[in-house]
Amino acid sequence: MVRYDEHAEFQIARRGIEKPWVEATLESPDLMEQSGARKSFFQCLPGRRVMLRVVTPVADSEYVITAYFDRTKPCV
């Protein structure tokens, strides 16, 4: 079961990101990256030119820290 940090809840709502998009990205990412204690899951969504990035702790990939459309990761 996916859980959301308070910061993630705020940012997702502010950025117009739907929770089903976040959960689909965690379940079936197009790309994954790890940096230190954080893991990023990426997915290209229909109609978007850049990937959705969902950030979690490495040890708990069901706890969302934040999510945003990453302008450095274009959809191809």
C-alpha atoms as a PDB file:
ATOM      1  CA  MET A   1       0.000   0.000   0.000  1.00  0.00           C
ATOM      2  CA  VAL A   2       1.437   3.356  -1.071  1.00  0.00           C
ATOM      3  CA  ARG A   3       1.797   5.969   1.661  1.00  0.00           C
ATOM      4  CA  TYR A   4       2.440   9.671   1.167  1.00  0.00           C
ATOM      5  CA  ASP A   5       4.610  12.040   3.170  1.00  0.00           C
ATOM      6  CA  GLU A   6       2.865  15.304   4.139  1.00  0.00           C
ATOM      7  CA  HIS A   7       5.218  17.171   1.793  1.00  0.00           C
ATOM      8  CA  ALA A   8       4.324  14.765  -1.035  1.00  0.00           C
ATOM      9  CA  GLU A   9       0.597  15.286  -0.454  1.00  0.00           C
ATOM     10  CA  PHE A  10       1.049  19.061  -0.680  1.00  0.00           C
ATOM     11  CA  GLN A  11       3.315  19.006  -3.743  1.00  0.00           C
ATOM     12  CA  ILE A  12       1.236  16.467  -5.662  1.00  0.00           C
ATOM     13  CA  ALA A  13      -1.899  18.571  -5.181  1.00  0.00           C
ATOM     14  CA  ARG A  14      -0.071  21.824  -6.026  1.00  0.00           C
ATOM     15  CA  ARG A  15       1.412  20.329  -9.194  1.00  0.00           C
ATOM     16  CA  GLY A  16      -1.823  18.730 -10.423  1.00  0.00           C
ATOM     17  CA  ILE A  17      -0.415  15.202 -10.233  1.00  0.00           C
ATOM     18  CA  GLU A  18      -2.966  12.452  -9.729  1.00  0.00           C
ATOM     19  CA  LYS A  19      -2.265   9.690  -7.210  1.00  0.00           C
ATOM     20  CA  PRO A  20      -3.083   6.920  -9.715  1.00  0.00           C
ATOM     21  CA  TRP A  21      -0.222   8.279 -11.884  1.00  0.00           C
ATOM     22  CA  VAL A  22       2.145   8.103  -8.904  1.00  0.00           C
ATOM     23  CA  GLU A  23       1.089   4.565  -8.054  1.00  0.00           C
ATOM     24  CA  ALA A  24       1.346   3.400 -11.683  1.00  0.00           C
ATOM     25  CA  THR A  25       4.863   4.855 -11.846  1.00  0.00           C
ATOM     26  CA  LEU A  26       5.886   2.908  -8.749  1.00  0.00           C
ATOM     27  CA  GLU A  27       4.328  -0.323 -10.076  1.00  0.00           C
ATOM     28  CA  SER A  28       5.696  -0.117 -13.610  1.00  0.00           C
ATOM     29  CA  PRO A  29       8.476   2.465 -14.046  1.00  0.00           C
ATOM     30  CA  ASP A  30      10.086   3.192 -17.401  1.00  0.00           C
ATOM     31  CA  LEU A  31      13.335   4.018 -15.590  1.00  0.00           C
ATOM     32  CA  MET A  32      14.767   3.894 -12.042  1.00  0.00           C
ATOM     33  CA  GLU A  33      17.697   5.740 -10.463  1.00  0.00           C
ATOM     34  CA  GLN A  34      19.231   5.648  -7.005  1.00  0.00           C
ATOM     35  CA  SER A  35      21.164   8.464  -5.352  1.00  0.00           C
ATOM     36  CA  GLY A  36      22.248   7.995  -1.750  1.00  0.00           C
ATOM     37  CA  ALA A  37      19.255   7.123   0.405  1.00  0.00           C
ATOM     38  CA  ARG A  38      16.699   8.074  -2.297  1.00  0.00           C
ATOM     39  CA  LYS A  39      15.280   6.119  -5.199  1.00  0.00           C
ATOM     40  CA  SER A  40      13.537   7.726  -8.170  1.00  0.00           C
ATOM     41  CA  PHE A  41      10.953   6.026 -10.371  1.00  0.00           C
ATOM     42  CA  PHE A  42      10.183   7.571 -13.777  1.00  0.00           C
ATOM     43  CA  GLN A  43       7.339   7.126 -16.222  1.00  0.00           C
ATOM     44  CA  CYS A  44       6.237   8.855 -19.418  1.00  0.00           C
ATOM     45  CA  LEU A  45       2.545   9.642 -19.222  1.00  0.00           C
ATOM     46  CA  PRO A  46       0.375  10.106 -22.319  1.00  0.00           C
ATOM     47  CA  GLY A  47       0.388  13.696 -23.522  1.00  0.00           C
ATOM     48  CA  ARG A  48       3.463  14.697 -21.486  1.00  0.00           C
ATOM     49  CA  ARG A  49       6.829  15.688 -22.926  1.00  0.00           C
ATOM     50  CA  VAL A  50       8.758  14.990 -19.712  1.00  0.00           C
ATOM     51  CA  MET A  51       8.748  12.073 -17.284  1.00  0.00           C
ATOM     52  CA  LEU A  52       6.953  11.949 -13.962  1.00  0.00           C
ATOM     53  CA  ARG A  53       9.536  11.414 -11.194  1.00  0.00           C
ATOM     54  CA  VAL A  54       8.408   9.765  -7.950  1.00  0.00           C
ATOM     55  CA  VAL A  55      10.949   9.838  -5.110  1.00  0.00           C
ATOM     56  CA  THR A  56      11.003   7.311  -2.246  1.00  0.00           C
ATOM     57  CA  PRO A  57      13.512   6.164   0.357  1.00  0.00           C
ATOM     58  CA  VAL A  58      15.640   3.259  -0.896  1.00  0.00           C
ATOM     59  CA  ALA A  59      14.466   1.112   2.023  1.00  0.00           C
ATOM     60  CA  ASP A  60      10.723   1.774   1.497  1.00  0.00           C
ATOM     61  CA  SER A  61       9.567   2.156  -2.099  1.00  0.00           C
ATOM     62  CA  GLU A  62       5.941   2.475  -0.991  1.00  0.00           C
ATOM     63  CA  TYR A  63       6.560   5.713   0.952  1.00  0.00           C
ATOM     64  CA  VAL A  64       6.406   8.667  -1.436  1.00  0.00           C
ATOM     65  CA  ILE A  65       8.553  11.660  -0.480  1.00  0.00           C
ATOM     66  CA  THR A  66       7.675  13.812  -3.496  1.00  0.00           C
ATOM     67  CA  ALA A  67       6.644  13.652  -7.143  1.00  0.00           C
ATOM     68  CA  TYR A  68       7.115  16.085 -10.018  1.00  0.00           C
ATOM     69  CA  PHE A  69       7.479  16.342 -13.777  1.00  0.00           C
ATOM     70  CA  ASP A  70      11.237  16.265 -14.344  1.00  0.00           C
ATOM     71  CA  ARG A  71      12.248  18.671 -17.104  1.00  0.00           C
ATOM     72  CA  THR A  72      15.659  16.985 -17.345  1.00  0.00           C
ATOM     73  CA  LYS A  73      14.064  13.657 -18.401  1.00  0.00           C
ATOM     74  CA  PRO A  74      12.287  14.037 -21.771  1.00  0.00           C
ATOM     75  CA  CYS A  75       9.940  11.340 -22.987  1.00  0.00           C
ATOM     76  CA  VAL A  76      11.197   9.754 -26.182  1.00  0.00           C
END
